[in-house]
């Protein structure tokens, strides 16, 4: 039976990743204003959350490849379809590339990445370069700003569909309510 609602696992991954992305942004922001010794500890949490996001987004991507998402609503304009597809594609790219870039940057400084103190991702086999690490971290921060802008676009689109179009689009990603075709 076809449905226009996402699967329960997709919903769970969507909301977990969304919460972790917002939390990780706030964690990084708090590290900027902390004394250096506290900032290192705070950034350890940032790295752990980043690895968690990477695992979850890879799981979500694998699930999406194996389980076709519901089609976009038929009433959407061409520009809305293009914007939705572009935004979602950029989300996947950034949420995969950003944690990997962080790992490469840490590796460039000769460090692995501790994940919740449970295990460590060893440094990647890259030559050490503080300059490269700083450049990657700067690019990572810029990508974070782009990610936040995409979140704003995504939320604005959801608000448009909910408050203006009243098409129930939000309920495609919630286990309650009535999405429309």
N, C-alpha and C. Protein backbone atom coordinates (compact mmCIF):
# COMPACT_ATOMS: atom_id res chain seq x y z
N UNK A 1 0.85 -1.19 0.00
CA UNK A 1 0.00 0.00 0.00
C UNK A 1 0.88 1.24 0.00
N UNK A 2 0.82 2.05 -1.05
CA UNK A 2 1.66 3.25 -1.10
C UNK A 2 1.25 4.25 -0.02
N UNK A 3 2.23 4.99 0.46
CA UNK A 3 1.96 5.99 1.48
C UNK A 3 2.70 7.27 1.14
N UNK A 4 2.19 8.36 1.63
CA UNK A 4 2.89 9.62 1.43
C UNK A 4 3.55 10.07 2.73
N UNK A 5 3.72 9.12 3.66
CA UNK A 5 4.39 9.38 4.92
C UNK A 5 5.73 8.61 4.91
N UNK A 6 6.75 9.23 5.50
CA UNK A 6 8.04 8.55 5.62
C UNK A 6 7.93 7.40 6.62
N UNK A 7 8.85 6.46 6.53
CA UNK A 7 8.84 5.32 7.45
C UNK A 7 9.21 5.78 8.86
N UNK A 8 8.85 4.96 9.82
CA UNK A 8 9.17 5.27 11.22
C UNK A 8 10.66 5.44 11.45
N UNK A 9 11.48 4.57 10.83
CA UNK A 9 12.93 4.69 11.00
C UNK A 9 13.44 5.99 10.39
N UNK A 10 12.91 6.37 9.23
CA UNK A 10 13.32 7.62 8.61
C UNK A 10 12.97 8.80 9.51
N UNK A 11 11.76 8.76 10.08
CA UNK A 11 11.36 9.84 11.00
C UNK A 11 12.30 9.91 12.20
N UNK A 12 12.58 8.76 12.79
CA UNK A 12 13.46 8.72 13.96
C UNK A 12 14.84 9.28 13.61
N UNK A 13 15.40 8.85 12.48
CA UNK A 13 16.72 9.34 12.07
C UNK A 13 16.68 10.83 11.76
N UNK A 14 15.64 11.29 11.08
CA UNK A 14 15.51 12.72 10.75
C UNK A 14 15.56 13.56 12.01
N UNK A 15 14.70 13.25 12.99
CA UNK A 15 14.61 14.07 14.19
C UNK A 15 15.83 13.92 15.09
N UNK A 16 16.41 12.72 15.14
CA UNK A 16 17.63 12.54 15.94
C UNK A 16 18.78 13.33 15.35
N UNK A 17 18.95 13.26 14.03
CA UNK A 17 20.01 14.00 13.36
C UNK A 17 19.79 15.50 13.52
N UNK A 18 18.55 15.95 13.35
CA UNK A 18 18.25 17.38 13.51
C UNK A 18 18.63 17.86 14.91
N UNK A 19 18.23 17.10 15.93
CA UNK A 19 18.54 17.49 17.31
C UNK A 19 20.05 17.49 17.55
N UNK A 20 20.75 16.48 17.02
CA UNK A 20 22.20 16.40 17.21
C UNK A 20 22.93 17.53 16.48
N UNK A 21 22.47 17.90 15.30
CA UNK A 21 23.10 18.99 14.55
C UNK A 21 22.97 20.30 15.34
N UNK A 22 21.79 20.58 15.84
CA UNK A 22 21.58 21.81 16.62
C UNK A 22 22.42 21.76 17.89
N UNK A 23 22.42 20.62 18.58
CA UNK A 23 23.22 20.48 19.80
C UNK A 23 24.70 20.66 19.50
N UNK A 24 25.16 20.09 18.39
CA UNK A 24 26.58 20.17 18.07
C UNK A 24 27.01 21.59 17.71
N UNK A 25 26.13 22.32 17.07
CA UNK A 25 26.40 23.73 16.77
C UNK A 25 26.56 24.49 18.09
N UNK A 26 25.64 24.26 19.03
CA UNK A 26 25.71 24.95 20.31
C UNK A 26 26.95 24.52 21.11
N UNK A 27 27.33 23.26 21.02
CA UNK A 27 28.54 22.78 21.70
C UNK A 27 29.76 23.52 21.16
N UNK A 28 29.87 23.61 19.83
CA UNK A 28 31.01 24.31 19.23
C UNK A 28 31.02 25.78 19.63
N UNK A 29 29.85 26.39 19.64
CA UNK A 29 29.75 27.80 20.04
C UNK A 29 30.21 27.99 21.48
N UNK A 30 29.83 27.07 22.36
CA UNK A 30 30.21 27.21 23.77
C UNK A 30 31.72 27.03 23.96
N UNK A 31 32.33 26.22 23.12
CA UNK A 31 33.78 26.02 23.22
C UNK A 31 34.54 27.29 22.86
N UNK A 32 33.98 28.09 21.96
CA UNK A 32 34.65 29.34 21.55
C UNK A 32 34.80 30.32 22.70
N UNK A 33 33.92 30.23 23.67
CA UNK A 33 33.91 31.19 24.77
C UNK A 33 34.43 30.60 26.08
N UNK A 34 34.98 29.40 26.02
CA UNK A 34 35.47 28.73 27.23
C UNK A 34 36.99 28.87 27.33
N UNK A 35 37.51 28.77 28.55
CA UNK A 35 38.97 28.73 28.69
C UNK A 35 39.53 27.52 27.93
N UNK A 36 40.79 27.62 27.52
CA UNK A 36 41.37 26.62 26.62
C UNK A 36 41.24 25.19 27.12
N UNK A 37 41.50 24.94 28.40
CA UNK A 37 41.41 23.57 28.90
C UNK A 37 39.97 23.04 28.84
N UNK A 38 39.00 23.88 29.14
CA UNK A 38 37.59 23.48 29.04
C UNK A 38 37.17 23.36 27.57
N UNK A 39 37.70 24.24 26.73
CA UNK A 39 37.35 24.20 25.31
C UNK A 39 37.76 22.87 24.69
N UNK A 40 38.91 22.34 25.07
CA UNK A 40 39.36 21.04 24.53
C UNK A 40 38.37 19.94 24.92
N UNK A 41 37.93 19.96 26.16
CA UNK A 41 36.98 18.95 26.62
C UNK A 41 35.64 19.11 25.89
N UNK A 42 35.20 20.34 25.77
CA UNK A 42 33.94 20.61 25.06
C UNK A 42 34.04 20.15 23.61
N UNK A 43 35.17 20.43 22.97
CA UNK A 43 35.34 20.03 21.57
C UNK A 43 35.41 18.51 21.44
N UNK A 44 35.88 17.83 22.48
CA UNK A 44 35.83 16.36 22.47
C UNK A 44 34.39 15.88 22.32
N UNK A 45 33.46 16.56 23.01
CA UNK A 45 32.04 16.22 22.85
C UNK A 45 31.56 16.56 21.45
N UNK A 46 32.03 17.69 20.91
CA UNK A 46 31.67 18.09 19.54
C UNK A 46 32.10 17.00 18.55
N UNK A 47 33.32 16.49 18.72
CA UNK A 47 33.81 15.44 17.82
C UNK A 47 32.98 14.17 17.96
N UNK A 48 32.63 13.80 19.20
CA UNK A 48 31.83 12.59 19.42
C UNK A 48 30.45 12.72 18.80
N UNK A 49 29.82 13.89 18.96
CA UNK A 49 28.51 14.11 18.35
C UNK A 49 28.65 14.06 16.82
N UNK A 50 29.73 14.64 16.29
CA UNK A 50 29.95 14.62 14.85
C UNK A 50 30.05 13.21 14.30
N UNK A 51 30.77 12.33 15.00
CA UNK A 51 30.88 10.93 14.56
C UNK A 51 29.52 10.26 14.65
N UNK A 52 28.76 10.56 15.70
CA UNK A 52 27.42 10.00 15.84
C UNK A 52 26.53 10.44 14.68
N UNK A 53 26.60 11.72 14.34
CA UNK A 53 25.83 12.24 13.20
C UNK A 53 26.25 11.51 11.92
N UNK A 54 27.55 11.33 11.72
CA UNK A 54 28.03 10.64 10.51
C UNK A 54 27.45 9.23 10.42
N UNK A 55 27.48 8.49 11.51
CA UNK A 55 26.94 7.13 11.51
C UNK A 55 25.44 7.15 11.18
N UNK A 56 24.71 8.07 11.82
CA UNK A 56 23.27 8.15 11.60
C UNK A 56 22.92 8.58 10.18
N UNK A 57 23.68 9.54 9.62
CA UNK A 57 23.36 9.99 8.26
C UNK A 57 23.70 8.92 7.23
N UNK A 58 24.76 8.14 7.48
CA UNK A 58 25.07 7.03 6.58
C UNK A 58 23.99 5.95 6.65
N UNK A 59 23.49 5.70 7.87
CA UNK A 59 22.38 4.76 8.04
C UNK A 59 21.14 5.28 7.31
N UNK A 60 20.87 6.57 7.45
CA UNK A 60 19.70 7.15 6.79
C UNK A 60 19.84 7.08 5.27
N UNK A 61 21.04 7.37 4.77
CA UNK A 61 21.25 7.31 3.33
C UNK A 61 21.08 5.87 2.81
N UNK A 62 21.65 4.91 3.54
CA UNK A 62 21.49 3.49 3.13
C UNK A 62 20.02 3.10 3.14
N UNK A 63 19.28 3.52 4.17
CA UNK A 63 17.85 3.21 4.26
C UNK A 63 17.10 3.85 3.09
N UNK A 64 17.47 5.09 2.77
CA UNK A 64 16.79 5.81 1.68
C UNK A 64 17.05 5.13 0.33
N UNK A 65 18.27 4.63 0.16
CA UNK A 65 18.59 3.93 -1.09
C UNK A 65 17.79 2.62 -1.19
N UNK A 66 17.66 1.92 -0.06
CA UNK A 66 16.96 0.64 -0.04
C UNK A 66 15.44 0.79 0.01
N UNK A 67 14.96 1.91 0.54
CA UNK A 67 13.52 2.14 0.70
C UNK A 67 13.17 3.50 0.11
N UNK A 68 12.59 3.46 -1.04
CA UNK A 68 12.27 4.70 -1.76
C UNK A 68 11.39 5.60 -0.88
N UNK A 69 11.76 6.90 -0.80
CA UNK A 69 10.93 7.82 -0.01
C UNK A 69 9.61 8.08 -0.72
N UNK A 70 8.62 8.55 0.03
CA UNK A 70 7.35 8.86 -0.62
C UNK A 70 7.54 9.97 -1.64
N UNK A 71 6.75 9.97 -2.69
CA UNK A 71 6.90 11.02 -3.71
C UNK A 71 6.52 12.38 -3.14
N UNK A 72 7.10 13.40 -3.73
CA UNK A 72 6.71 14.77 -3.35
C UNK A 72 5.25 14.98 -3.76
N UNK A 73 4.59 15.84 -3.04
CA UNK A 73 3.17 16.12 -3.33
C UNK A 73 3.01 16.61 -4.77
N UNK A 74 1.96 16.16 -5.39
CA UNK A 74 1.71 16.48 -6.80
C UNK A 74 1.49 17.97 -7.04
N UNK A 75 0.99 18.69 -6.04
CA UNK A 75 0.66 20.10 -6.24
C UNK A 75 1.87 21.04 -6.16
N UNK A 76 3.05 20.52 -5.84
CA UNK A 76 4.23 21.38 -5.71
C UNK A 76 4.64 21.96 -7.06
N UNK A 77 5.02 23.22 -7.03
CA UNK A 77 5.53 23.88 -8.23
C UNK A 77 6.92 23.32 -8.56
N UNK A 78 7.34 23.49 -9.78
CA UNK A 78 8.65 23.00 -10.19
C UNK A 78 9.78 23.55 -9.34
N UNK A 79 9.72 24.85 -9.00
CA UNK A 79 10.78 25.44 -8.19
C UNK A 79 10.80 24.85 -6.78
N UNK A 80 9.62 24.48 -6.26
CA UNK A 80 9.56 23.86 -4.93
C UNK A 80 10.19 22.48 -4.95
N UNK A 81 9.92 21.73 -6.00
CA UNK A 81 10.52 20.39 -6.14
C UNK A 81 12.05 20.51 -6.25
N UNK A 82 12.50 21.44 -7.08
CA UNK A 82 13.95 21.62 -7.26
C UNK A 82 14.61 22.06 -5.96
N UNK A 83 13.98 22.99 -5.25
CA UNK A 83 14.54 23.47 -3.99
C UNK A 83 14.57 22.35 -2.95
N UNK A 84 13.52 21.56 -2.87
CA UNK A 84 13.48 20.44 -1.92
C UNK A 84 14.59 19.44 -2.22
N UNK A 85 14.73 19.06 -3.48
CA UNK A 85 15.76 18.07 -3.85
C UNK A 85 17.16 18.63 -3.61
N UNK A 86 17.38 19.89 -3.96
CA UNK A 86 18.69 20.51 -3.76
C UNK A 86 19.03 20.59 -2.27
N UNK A 87 18.06 21.04 -1.48
CA UNK A 87 18.29 21.18 -0.04
C UNK A 87 18.61 19.83 0.59
N UNK A 88 17.84 18.81 0.27
CA UNK A 88 18.08 17.48 0.85
C UNK A 88 19.43 16.91 0.41
N UNK A 89 19.77 17.10 -0.85
CA UNK A 89 21.07 16.62 -1.34
C UNK A 89 22.21 17.32 -0.61
N UNK A 90 22.10 18.63 -0.45
CA UNK A 90 23.14 19.38 0.28
C UNK A 90 23.22 18.96 1.74
N UNK A 91 22.08 18.66 2.36
CA UNK A 91 22.10 18.14 3.73
C UNK A 91 22.95 16.87 3.80
N UNK A 92 22.68 15.93 2.92
CA UNK A 92 23.44 14.67 2.92
C UNK A 92 24.93 14.93 2.71
N UNK A 93 25.25 15.74 1.73
CA UNK A 93 26.66 16.02 1.44
C UNK A 93 27.35 16.64 2.66
N UNK A 94 26.77 17.69 3.21
CA UNK A 94 27.40 18.37 4.34
C UNK A 94 27.49 17.48 5.58
N UNK A 95 26.45 16.72 5.84
CA UNK A 95 26.45 15.89 7.04
C UNK A 95 27.39 14.69 6.93
N UNK A 96 27.82 14.37 5.74
CA UNK A 96 28.85 13.34 5.56
C UNK A 96 30.23 13.98 5.52
N UNK A 97 30.38 15.03 4.74
CA UNK A 97 31.69 15.65 4.54
C UNK A 97 32.21 16.36 5.80
N UNK A 98 31.32 17.02 6.53
CA UNK A 98 31.79 17.79 7.69
C UNK A 98 32.48 16.92 8.76
N UNK A 99 31.89 15.81 9.20
CA UNK A 99 32.60 14.98 10.18
C UNK A 99 33.90 14.39 9.61
N UNK A 100 33.87 14.00 8.34
CA UNK A 100 35.08 13.46 7.73
C UNK A 100 36.18 14.53 7.67
N UNK A 101 35.79 15.76 7.36
CA UNK A 101 36.76 16.86 7.33
C UNK A 101 37.35 17.10 8.71
N UNK A 102 36.51 17.02 9.74
CA UNK A 102 37.01 17.16 11.10
C UNK A 102 38.03 16.09 11.43
N UNK A 103 37.77 14.87 10.99
CA UNK A 103 38.70 13.76 11.24
C UNK A 103 40.01 13.99 10.49
N UNK A 104 39.93 14.45 9.25
CA UNK A 104 41.13 14.75 8.47
C UNK A 104 41.93 15.87 9.15
N UNK A 105 41.25 16.89 9.63
CA UNK A 105 41.93 18.01 10.29
C UNK A 105 42.63 17.52 11.56
N UNK A 106 41.93 16.72 12.36
CA UNK A 106 42.55 16.18 13.58
C UNK A 106 43.75 15.31 13.22
N UNK A 107 43.60 14.51 12.18
CA UNK A 107 44.69 13.65 11.72
C UNK A 107 45.88 14.48 11.25
N UNK A 108 45.60 15.63 10.64
CA UNK A 108 46.67 16.51 10.16
C UNK A 108 47.48 17.08 11.32
N UNK A 109 46.88 17.06 12.52
CA UNK A 109 47.59 17.51 13.71
C UNK A 109 48.18 16.33 14.47
N UNK A 110 48.00 15.12 13.92
CA UNK A 110 48.55 13.92 14.54
C UNK A 110 47.67 13.28 15.59
N UNK A 111 46.40 13.69 15.64
CA UNK A 111 45.48 13.16 16.65
C UNK A 111 44.41 12.28 16.02
N UNK A 112 43.96 11.31 16.80
CA UNK A 112 42.77 10.55 16.44
C UNK A 112 41.56 11.29 17.01
N UNK A 113 40.41 10.65 16.92
CA UNK A 113 39.18 11.24 17.43
C UNK A 113 38.56 10.27 18.43
N UNK A 114 38.53 10.68 19.68
CA UNK A 114 37.88 9.87 20.72
C UNK A 114 36.37 10.00 20.55
N UNK A 115 35.70 8.87 20.65
CA UNK A 115 34.25 8.85 20.50
C UNK A 115 33.64 8.43 21.84
N UNK A 116 33.18 9.45 22.56
CA UNK A 116 32.54 9.27 23.86
C UNK A 116 33.44 8.54 24.86
N UNK A 117 34.74 8.55 24.64
CA UNK A 117 35.65 7.85 25.53
C UNK A 117 35.56 6.33 25.42
N UNK A 118 34.77 5.85 24.47
CA UNK A 118 34.57 4.41 24.30
C UNK A 118 35.61 3.78 23.38
N UNK A 119 35.97 4.52 22.35
CA UNK A 119 36.98 4.05 21.39
C UNK A 119 37.52 5.28 20.69
N UNK A 120 38.59 5.08 19.96
CA UNK A 120 39.19 6.19 19.22
C UNK A 120 39.32 5.84 17.75
N UNK A 121 38.92 6.79 16.92
CA UNK A 121 39.21 6.66 15.50
C UNK A 121 40.66 7.08 15.34
N UNK A 122 41.50 6.21 14.82
CA UNK A 122 42.92 6.55 14.73
C UNK A 122 43.15 7.67 13.71
N UNK A 123 44.28 8.35 13.84
CA UNK A 123 44.57 9.37 12.81
C UNK A 123 44.61 8.73 11.43
N UNK A 124 44.10 9.42 10.46
CA UNK A 124 44.17 8.96 9.08
C UNK A 124 45.61 9.10 8.59
N UNK A 125 45.99 8.31 7.61
CA UNK A 125 47.36 8.38 7.11
C UNK A 125 47.60 9.60 6.21
N UNK A 126 47.59 10.77 6.84
CA UNK A 126 47.87 12.02 6.13
C UNK A 126 49.09 12.66 6.76
N UNK A 127 49.82 13.42 5.97
CA UNK A 127 50.98 14.10 6.55
C UNK A 127 50.50 15.17 7.53
N UNK A 128 51.31 15.40 8.54
CA UNK A 128 50.93 16.38 9.54
C UNK A 128 51.21 17.79 9.04
N UNK A 129 50.23 18.64 9.24
CA UNK A 129 50.35 20.03 8.81
C UNK A 129 49.36 20.87 9.61
N UNK A 130 49.88 21.67 10.51
CA UNK A 130 49.03 22.55 11.30
C UNK A 130 48.29 23.52 10.38
N UNK A 131 48.97 23.98 9.35
CA UNK A 131 48.35 24.93 8.41
C UNK A 131 47.16 24.29 7.70
N UNK A 132 47.33 23.05 7.24
CA UNK A 132 46.23 22.35 6.56
C UNK A 132 45.09 22.12 7.55
N UNK A 133 45.42 21.72 8.77
CA UNK A 133 44.39 21.48 9.79
C UNK A 133 43.56 22.75 10.02
N UNK A 134 44.23 23.88 10.14
CA UNK A 134 43.52 25.14 10.37
C UNK A 134 42.64 25.51 9.17
N UNK A 135 43.16 25.28 7.96
CA UNK A 135 42.38 25.56 6.76
C UNK A 135 41.13 24.67 6.71
N UNK A 136 41.30 23.39 7.05
CA UNK A 136 40.15 22.48 7.04
C UNK A 136 39.15 22.88 8.11
N UNK A 137 39.62 23.22 9.30
CA UNK A 137 38.70 23.65 10.36
C UNK A 137 37.96 24.93 9.96
N UNK A 138 38.65 25.85 9.28
CA UNK A 138 37.98 27.07 8.81
C UNK A 138 36.89 26.73 7.78
N UNK A 139 37.22 25.82 6.88
CA UNK A 139 36.26 25.38 5.86
C UNK A 139 35.09 24.65 6.53
N UNK A 140 35.40 23.84 7.54
CA UNK A 140 34.39 23.12 8.31
C UNK A 140 33.42 24.13 8.96
N UNK A 141 33.97 25.19 9.53
CA UNK A 141 33.14 26.22 10.17
C UNK A 141 32.24 26.92 9.13
N UNK A 142 32.79 27.19 7.96
CA UNK A 142 32.00 27.81 6.89
C UNK A 142 30.90 26.86 6.44
N UNK A 143 31.22 25.58 6.32
CA UNK A 143 30.21 24.59 5.95
C UNK A 143 29.12 24.53 7.01
N UNK A 144 29.50 24.72 8.28
CA UNK A 144 28.52 24.75 9.35
C UNK A 144 27.54 25.91 9.18
N UNK A 145 28.04 27.05 8.75
CA UNK A 145 27.17 28.21 8.50
C UNK A 145 26.22 27.90 7.34
N UNK A 146 26.74 27.26 6.30
CA UNK A 146 25.89 26.87 5.17
C UNK A 146 24.83 25.88 5.65
N UNK A 147 25.22 24.94 6.50
CA UNK A 147 24.28 23.97 7.04
C UNK A 147 23.17 24.67 7.84
N UNK A 148 23.54 25.64 8.66
CA UNK A 148 22.54 26.39 9.41
C UNK A 148 21.60 27.16 8.47
N UNK A 149 22.14 27.72 7.40
CA UNK A 149 21.30 28.41 6.42
C UNK A 149 20.33 27.43 5.76
N UNK A 150 20.79 26.23 5.46
CA UNK A 150 19.90 25.22 4.87
C UNK A 150 18.80 24.83 5.85
N UNK A 151 19.14 24.76 7.13
CA UNK A 151 18.13 24.45 8.14
C UNK A 151 17.05 25.53 8.14
N UNK A 152 17.48 26.79 8.03
CA UNK A 152 16.51 27.90 7.99
C UNK A 152 15.62 27.75 6.76
N UNK A 153 16.20 27.46 5.61
CA UNK A 153 15.41 27.27 4.38
C UNK A 153 14.42 26.12 4.57
N UNK A 154 14.89 25.04 5.16
CA UNK A 154 14.05 23.85 5.39
C UNK A 154 12.88 24.19 6.33
N UNK A 155 13.18 24.87 7.41
CA UNK A 155 12.13 25.24 8.37
C UNK A 155 11.16 26.24 7.74
N UNK A 156 11.67 27.21 6.98
CA UNK A 156 10.78 28.17 6.31
C UNK A 156 9.86 27.45 5.32
N UNK A 157 10.40 26.47 4.60
CA UNK A 157 9.57 25.69 3.69
C UNK A 157 8.49 24.93 4.44
N UNK A 158 8.86 24.36 5.57
CA UNK A 158 7.88 23.64 6.39
C UNK A 158 6.79 24.60 6.89
N UNK A 159 7.20 25.79 7.32
CA UNK A 159 6.23 26.77 7.79
C UNK A 159 5.30 27.21 6.65
N UNK A 160 5.88 27.41 5.46
CA UNK A 160 5.05 27.79 4.30
C UNK A 160 3.99 26.72 4.04
N UNK A 161 4.42 25.46 4.02
CA UNK A 161 3.48 24.38 3.74
C UNK A 161 2.44 24.23 4.85
N UNK A 162 2.85 24.48 6.10
CA UNK A 162 1.95 24.31 7.23
C UNK A 162 0.98 25.47 7.39
N UNK A 163 1.50 26.69 7.31
CA UNK A 163 0.68 27.86 7.63
C UNK A 163 0.01 28.52 6.43
N UNK A 164 0.66 28.47 5.28
CA UNK A 164 0.11 29.14 4.10
C UNK A 164 -0.62 28.15 3.20
N UNK A 165 0.10 27.09 2.79
CA UNK A 165 -0.51 26.11 1.89
C UNK A 165 -1.48 25.19 2.62
N UNK A 166 -1.22 24.98 3.90
CA UNK A 166 -2.04 24.08 4.74
C UNK A 166 -2.22 22.73 4.06
N UNK A 167 -1.10 22.20 3.54
CA UNK A 167 -1.16 20.95 2.78
C UNK A 167 -0.76 19.71 3.57
N UNK A 168 -0.49 19.87 4.86
CA UNK A 168 -0.16 18.71 5.68
C UNK A 168 1.20 18.12 5.41
N UNK A 169 2.05 18.84 4.67
CA UNK A 169 3.38 18.33 4.30
C UNK A 169 4.22 17.96 5.53
N UNK A 170 4.10 18.73 6.60
CA UNK A 170 4.85 18.45 7.82
C UNK A 170 4.57 17.05 8.35
N UNK A 171 3.35 16.59 8.19
CA UNK A 171 2.96 15.29 8.75
C UNK A 171 3.55 14.10 7.99
N UNK A 172 4.21 14.37 6.87
CA UNK A 172 4.94 13.30 6.18
C UNK A 172 6.09 12.81 7.04
N UNK A 173 6.62 13.71 7.93
CA UNK A 173 7.78 13.38 8.75
C UNK A 173 7.40 13.25 10.23
N UNK A 174 6.11 13.14 10.50
CA UNK A 174 5.64 12.95 11.88
C UNK A 174 4.73 11.72 11.92
N UNK A 175 4.73 11.01 13.06
CA UNK A 175 3.91 9.79 13.14
C UNK A 175 2.42 10.08 13.40
N UNK A 176 2.04 11.34 13.40
CA UNK A 176 0.64 11.71 13.64
C UNK A 176 0.25 12.78 12.62
N UNK A 177 -1.03 13.10 12.58
CA UNK A 177 -1.50 14.08 11.62
C UNK A 177 -1.81 13.44 10.29
N UNK A 178 -2.28 14.25 9.36
CA UNK A 178 -2.70 13.72 8.07
C UNK A 178 -1.97 14.42 6.94
N UNK A 179 -0.99 13.73 6.34
CA UNK A 179 -0.37 14.30 5.15
C UNK A 179 -1.31 14.15 3.96
N UNK A 180 -1.26 15.11 3.07
CA UNK A 180 -2.10 15.05 1.87
C UNK A 180 -1.26 14.56 0.69
N UNK A 181 -1.90 14.04 -0.29
CA UNK A 181 -1.20 13.51 -1.46
C UNK A 181 -0.61 14.60 -2.31
